[in-house]
Amino acid sequence: MDDKTRTEIEAAAFRALRHHLMEKRADVQNIDLMNLAGFCRNCLARWYQEAANERGVEMSKDEAREIYYGMPYDAWKAQMQTEADDAKKAAFEVAFRENVGPGKG
């Protein structure tokens, strides 16, 4: 497989994952994704931002999140995010520390 085709397939897979998380399973909370898989929608937006920055495209965290979520992140949170219980919050602290690290959220 040539590099162009591989890149196109990887991009299509990313778009399918985004569609799945944003359209088909918007009910799944970011905290649950992080606690179970070690990443969430915000991680995907951060990876998008990092890839852009590595290629000389200036992009802030908020800009990347708006691209990923299709709206300002605060609007998405207000519409979709539910309150997590204390056990989920504690598990998140561990998952975030292990998978993302300090200062990356």
N, C-alpha and C. Protein backbone atom coordinates (compact mmCIF):
# COMPACT_ATOMS: atom_id res chain seq x y z
N MET A 1 0.86 -1.18 0.00
CA MET A 1 0.00 0.00 0.00
C MET A 1 0.90 1.23 0.00
N ASP A 2 0.58 2.19 -0.82
CA ASP A 2 1.38 3.41 -0.87
C ASP A 2 0.96 4.36 0.26
N ASP A 3 1.84 5.34 0.56
CA ASP A 3 1.61 6.26 1.68
C ASP A 3 0.34 7.08 1.52
N LYS A 4 0.03 7.52 0.31
CA LYS A 4 -1.17 8.33 0.06
C LYS A 4 -2.43 7.53 0.40
N THR A 5 -2.48 6.29 -0.06
CA THR A 5 -3.64 5.45 0.21
C THR A 5 -3.75 5.16 1.70
N ARG A 6 -2.64 4.85 2.36
CA ARG A 6 -2.65 4.60 3.80
C ARG A 6 -3.18 5.81 4.56
N THR A 7 -2.70 7.00 4.19
CA THR A 7 -3.15 8.22 4.84
C THR A 7 -4.64 8.44 4.63
N GLU A 8 -5.14 8.18 3.43
CA GLU A 8 -6.57 8.34 3.14
C GLU A 8 -7.40 7.35 3.96
N ILE A 9 -6.92 6.12 4.09
CA ILE A 9 -7.63 5.12 4.88
C ILE A 9 -7.63 5.50 6.35
N GLU A 10 -6.49 5.96 6.86
CA GLU A 10 -6.41 6.39 8.26
C GLU A 10 -7.35 7.58 8.51
N ALA A 11 -7.40 8.52 7.59
CA ALA A 11 -8.30 9.67 7.73
C ALA A 11 -9.76 9.22 7.72
N ALA A 12 -10.09 8.27 6.85
CA ALA A 12 -11.46 7.76 6.81
C ALA A 12 -11.82 7.05 8.12
N ALA A 13 -10.87 6.30 8.68
CA ALA A 13 -11.12 5.62 9.95
C ALA A 13 -11.33 6.64 11.07
N PHE A 14 -10.54 7.72 11.09
CA PHE A 14 -10.72 8.77 12.09
C PHE A 14 -12.11 9.40 11.94
N ARG A 15 -12.51 9.69 10.71
CA ARG A 15 -13.83 10.28 10.50
C ARG A 15 -14.93 9.34 10.96
N ALA A 16 -14.76 8.04 10.73
CA ALA A 16 -15.76 7.06 11.17
C ALA A 16 -15.82 7.00 12.69
N LEU A 17 -14.67 7.05 13.36
CA LEU A 17 -14.65 7.06 14.82
C LEU A 17 -15.33 8.32 15.36
N ARG A 18 -15.00 9.46 14.77
CA ARG A 18 -15.62 10.71 15.19
C ARG A 18 -17.14 10.64 15.01
N HIS A 19 -17.58 10.17 13.86
CA HIS A 19 -19.02 10.06 13.58
C HIS A 19 -19.68 9.13 14.61
N HIS A 20 -19.04 8.02 14.88
CA HIS A 20 -19.60 7.07 15.84
C HIS A 20 -19.76 7.72 17.21
N LEU A 21 -18.73 8.42 17.67
CA LEU A 21 -18.77 9.02 19.00
C LEU A 21 -19.67 10.26 19.07
N MET A 22 -19.79 10.98 17.97
CA MET A 22 -20.56 12.22 17.99
C MET A 22 -22.01 12.04 17.55
N GLU A 23 -22.26 11.07 16.68
CA GLU A 23 -23.62 10.90 16.15
C GLU A 23 -24.32 9.66 16.69
N LYS A 24 -23.65 8.54 16.63
CA LYS A 24 -24.29 7.29 17.04
C LYS A 24 -24.27 7.08 18.54
N ARG A 25 -23.19 7.52 19.21
CA ARG A 25 -23.05 7.27 20.65
C ARG A 25 -22.71 8.53 21.41
N ALA A 26 -23.38 9.62 21.09
CA ALA A 26 -23.17 10.87 21.83
C ALA A 26 -23.59 10.71 23.28
N ASP A 27 -24.36 9.67 23.58
CA ASP A 27 -24.80 9.41 24.94
C ASP A 27 -23.67 8.91 25.84
N VAL A 28 -22.62 8.36 25.25
CA VAL A 28 -21.50 7.87 26.03
C VAL A 28 -20.69 9.07 26.53
N GLN A 29 -20.52 9.16 27.81
CA GLN A 29 -19.86 10.30 28.42
C GLN A 29 -18.34 10.21 28.25
N ASN A 30 -17.69 11.37 28.11
CA ASN A 30 -16.24 11.40 28.01
C ASN A 30 -15.57 10.73 29.21
N ILE A 31 -16.11 10.94 30.39
CA ILE A 31 -15.51 10.35 31.59
C ILE A 31 -15.54 8.83 31.51
N ASP A 32 -16.61 8.27 30.94
CA ASP A 32 -16.70 6.81 30.79
C ASP A 32 -15.70 6.31 29.76
N LEU A 33 -15.54 7.06 28.67
CA LEU A 33 -14.53 6.69 27.67
C LEU A 33 -13.13 6.69 28.28
N MET A 34 -12.81 7.75 29.02
CA MET A 34 -11.49 7.86 29.63
C MET A 34 -11.27 6.74 30.64
N ASN A 35 -12.27 6.49 31.45
CA ASN A 35 -12.12 5.48 32.49
C ASN A 35 -11.97 4.07 31.91
N LEU A 36 -12.62 3.80 30.81
CA LEU A 36 -12.57 2.46 30.22
C LEU A 36 -11.46 2.30 29.18
N ALA A 37 -11.24 3.33 28.37
CA ALA A 37 -10.33 3.19 27.23
C ALA A 37 -9.04 4.00 27.35
N GLY A 38 -9.02 4.95 28.29
CA GLY A 38 -7.82 5.76 28.44
C GLY A 38 -7.75 6.93 27.47
N PHE A 39 -8.84 7.21 26.77
CA PHE A 39 -8.93 8.38 25.91
C PHE A 39 -10.39 8.77 25.78
N CYS A 40 -10.63 10.01 25.33
CA CYS A 40 -11.99 10.48 25.13
C CYS A 40 -12.03 11.43 23.94
N ARG A 41 -13.15 12.05 23.72
CA ARG A 41 -13.28 12.99 22.60
C ARG A 41 -12.28 14.14 22.72
N ASN A 42 -12.05 14.60 23.95
CA ASN A 42 -11.08 15.68 24.13
C ASN A 42 -9.68 15.25 23.73
N CYS A 43 -9.33 13.99 23.99
CA CYS A 43 -8.03 13.47 23.55
C CYS A 43 -7.95 13.49 22.03
N LEU A 44 -9.01 13.06 21.37
CA LEU A 44 -9.02 13.07 19.91
C LEU A 44 -8.84 14.48 19.37
N ALA A 45 -9.50 15.44 20.00
CA ALA A 45 -9.34 16.84 19.59
C ALA A 45 -7.91 17.31 19.84
N ARG A 46 -7.32 16.90 20.96
CA ARG A 46 -5.94 17.29 21.27
C ARG A 46 -4.97 16.67 20.27
N TRP A 47 -5.20 15.41 19.91
CA TRP A 47 -4.32 14.76 18.92
C TRP A 47 -4.44 15.46 17.57
N TYR A 48 -5.64 15.91 17.24
CA TYR A 48 -5.87 16.69 16.01
C TYR A 48 -5.06 17.99 16.07
N GLN A 49 -5.15 18.68 17.19
CA GLN A 49 -4.40 19.93 17.38
C GLN A 49 -2.90 19.67 17.28
N GLU A 50 -2.42 18.65 17.96
CA GLU A 50 -0.99 18.35 17.92
C GLU A 50 -0.51 18.03 16.51
N ALA A 51 -1.31 17.28 15.76
CA ALA A 51 -0.95 16.95 14.37
C ALA A 51 -0.90 18.22 13.52
N ALA A 52 -1.85 19.11 13.75
CA ALA A 52 -1.85 20.38 13.01
C ALA A 52 -0.62 21.20 13.36
N ASN A 53 -0.35 21.35 14.65
CA ASN A 53 0.80 22.13 15.10
C ASN A 53 2.11 21.56 14.57
N GLU A 54 2.24 20.24 14.55
CA GLU A 54 3.45 19.59 14.03
C GLU A 54 3.67 19.90 12.55
N ARG A 55 2.60 20.23 11.87
CA ARG A 55 2.68 20.54 10.44
C ARG A 55 2.68 22.04 10.16
N GLY A 56 2.89 22.82 11.22
CA GLY A 56 2.99 24.26 11.06
C GLY A 56 1.66 24.99 11.00
N VAL A 57 0.56 24.30 11.31
CA VAL A 57 -0.76 24.92 11.33
C VAL A 57 -1.05 25.32 12.77
N GLU A 58 -1.14 26.62 13.01
CA GLU A 58 -1.43 27.12 14.35
C GLU A 58 -2.88 26.78 14.71
N MET A 59 -3.06 26.13 15.85
CA MET A 59 -4.39 25.77 16.30
C MET A 59 -4.38 25.68 17.81
N SER A 60 -5.31 26.36 18.44
CA SER A 60 -5.42 26.29 19.90
C SER A 60 -6.25 25.07 20.30
N LYS A 61 -6.22 24.77 21.59
CA LYS A 61 -7.03 23.68 22.13
C LYS A 61 -8.51 23.94 21.86
N ASP A 62 -8.95 25.18 22.08
CA ASP A 62 -10.36 25.51 21.87
C ASP A 62 -10.74 25.39 20.40
N GLU A 63 -9.86 25.81 19.50
CA GLU A 63 -10.14 25.68 18.06
C GLU A 63 -10.25 24.21 17.66
N ALA A 64 -9.35 23.38 18.16
CA ALA A 64 -9.38 21.95 17.84
C ALA A 64 -10.66 21.31 18.37
N ARG A 65 -11.03 21.67 19.58
CA ARG A 65 -12.26 21.11 20.14
C ARG A 65 -13.48 21.54 19.34
N GLU A 66 -13.51 22.79 18.90
CA GLU A 66 -14.66 23.24 18.11
C GLU A 66 -14.73 22.49 16.78
N ILE A 67 -13.58 22.24 16.18
CA ILE A 67 -13.55 21.46 14.94
C ILE A 67 -14.06 20.05 15.22
N TYR A 68 -13.56 19.43 16.27
CA TYR A 68 -13.94 18.06 16.58
C TYR A 68 -15.42 17.95 16.95
N TYR A 69 -15.87 18.81 17.86
CA TYR A 69 -17.25 18.74 18.35
C TYR A 69 -18.26 19.34 17.39
N GLY A 70 -17.80 20.16 16.46
CA GLY A 70 -18.72 20.81 15.53
C GLY A 70 -19.45 21.99 16.14
N MET A 71 -19.00 22.41 17.30
CA MET A 71 -19.57 23.54 18.03
C MET A 71 -18.60 23.88 19.15
N PRO A 72 -18.75 25.03 19.79
CA PRO A 72 -17.90 25.31 20.94
C PRO A 72 -18.06 24.22 22.00
N TYR A 73 -16.96 23.84 22.61
CA TYR A 73 -16.97 22.75 23.58
C TYR A 73 -17.95 23.01 24.73
N ASP A 74 -18.01 24.25 25.22
CA ASP A 74 -18.93 24.56 26.31
C ASP A 74 -20.39 24.30 25.91
N ALA A 75 -20.73 24.57 24.65
CA ALA A 75 -22.09 24.30 24.16
C ALA A 75 -22.35 22.79 24.15
N TRP A 76 -21.38 22.02 23.68
CA TRP A 76 -21.54 20.56 23.66
C TRP A 76 -21.71 20.02 25.07
N LYS A 77 -20.87 20.50 26.00
CA LYS A 77 -20.97 20.05 27.39
C LYS A 77 -22.35 20.36 27.96
N ALA A 78 -22.85 21.55 27.70
CA ALA A 78 -24.16 21.94 28.22
C ALA A 78 -25.27 21.05 27.67
N GLN A 79 -25.14 20.64 26.42
CA GLN A 79 -26.17 19.81 25.79
C GLN A 79 -26.05 18.33 26.13
N MET A 80 -24.82 17.83 26.27
CA MET A 80 -24.61 16.39 26.29
C MET A 80 -24.03 15.81 27.58
N GLN A 81 -23.32 16.61 28.34
CA GLN A 81 -22.61 16.06 29.49
C GLN A 81 -23.50 15.99 30.71
N THR A 82 -23.44 14.87 31.40
CA THR A 82 -24.19 14.69 32.63
C THR A 82 -23.21 14.71 33.81
N GLU A 83 -23.72 14.89 34.99
CA GLU A 83 -22.88 14.94 36.18
C GLU A 83 -22.38 13.53 36.51
N ALA A 84 -21.11 13.42 36.79
CA ALA A 84 -20.51 12.14 37.16
C ALA A 84 -20.53 11.98 38.67
N ASP A 85 -20.68 10.74 39.11
CA ASP A 85 -20.63 10.49 40.55
C ASP A 85 -19.18 10.49 41.04
N ASP A 86 -19.02 10.45 42.36
CA ASP A 86 -17.68 10.54 42.95
C ASP A 86 -16.78 9.39 42.53
N ALA A 87 -17.33 8.20 42.36
CA ALA A 87 -16.52 7.04 41.96
C ALA A 87 -15.96 7.24 40.56
N LYS A 88 -16.79 7.74 39.65
CA LYS A 88 -16.32 7.99 38.28
C LYS A 88 -15.27 9.09 38.26
N LYS A 89 -15.48 10.12 39.08
CA LYS A 89 -14.50 11.21 39.14
C LYS A 89 -13.16 10.71 39.66
N ALA A 90 -13.18 9.85 40.67
CA ALA A 90 -11.94 9.31 41.21
C ALA A 90 -11.24 8.43 40.19
N ALA A 91 -12.00 7.60 39.48
CA ALA A 91 -11.42 6.75 38.45
C ALA A 91 -10.84 7.59 37.32
N PHE A 92 -11.51 8.69 37.01
CA PHE A 92 -11.03 9.59 35.97
C PHE A 92 -9.67 10.18 36.33
N GLU A 93 -9.51 10.59 37.58
CA GLU A 93 -8.23 11.16 38.01
C GLU A 93 -7.09 10.19 37.74
N VAL A 94 -7.31 8.92 38.03
CA VAL A 94 -6.29 7.90 37.79
C VAL A 94 -6.08 7.70 36.30
N ALA A 95 -7.17 7.52 35.55
CA ALA A 95 -7.07 7.28 34.10
C ALA A 95 -6.40 8.46 33.40
N PHE A 96 -6.75 9.66 33.78
CA PHE A 96 -6.16 10.85 33.16
C PHE A 96 -4.66 10.90 33.44
N ARG A 97 -4.30 10.70 34.68
CA ARG A 97 -2.89 10.74 35.07
C ARG A 97 -2.09 9.67 34.32
N GLU A 98 -2.64 8.48 34.19
CA GLU A 98 -1.93 7.37 33.54
C GLU A 98 -1.87 7.50 32.03
N ASN A 99 -2.88 8.10 31.43
CA ASN A 99 -2.98 8.11 29.97
C ASN A 99 -2.69 9.45 29.31
N VAL A 100 -2.91 10.52 30.01
CA VAL A 100 -2.74 11.84 29.41
C VAL A 100 -1.58 12.57 30.06
N GLY A 101 -1.56 12.59 31.37
CA GLY A 101 -0.50 13.27 32.08
C GLY A 101 -0.88 14.67 32.48
N PRO A 102 -0.12 15.25 33.39
CA PRO A 102 -0.45 16.58 33.87
C PRO A 102 -0.27 17.64 32.78
N GLY A 103 -1.16 18.63 32.81
CA GLY A 103 -1.03 19.77 31.90
C GLY A 103 -1.45 19.54 30.47
N LYS A 104 -2.03 18.38 30.15
CA LYS A 104 -2.39 18.11 28.75
C LYS A 104 -3.88 18.21 28.50
N GLY A 105 -4.70 18.32 29.55
CA GLY A 105 -6.14 18.31 29.37
C GLY A 105 -6.63 19.52 28.73
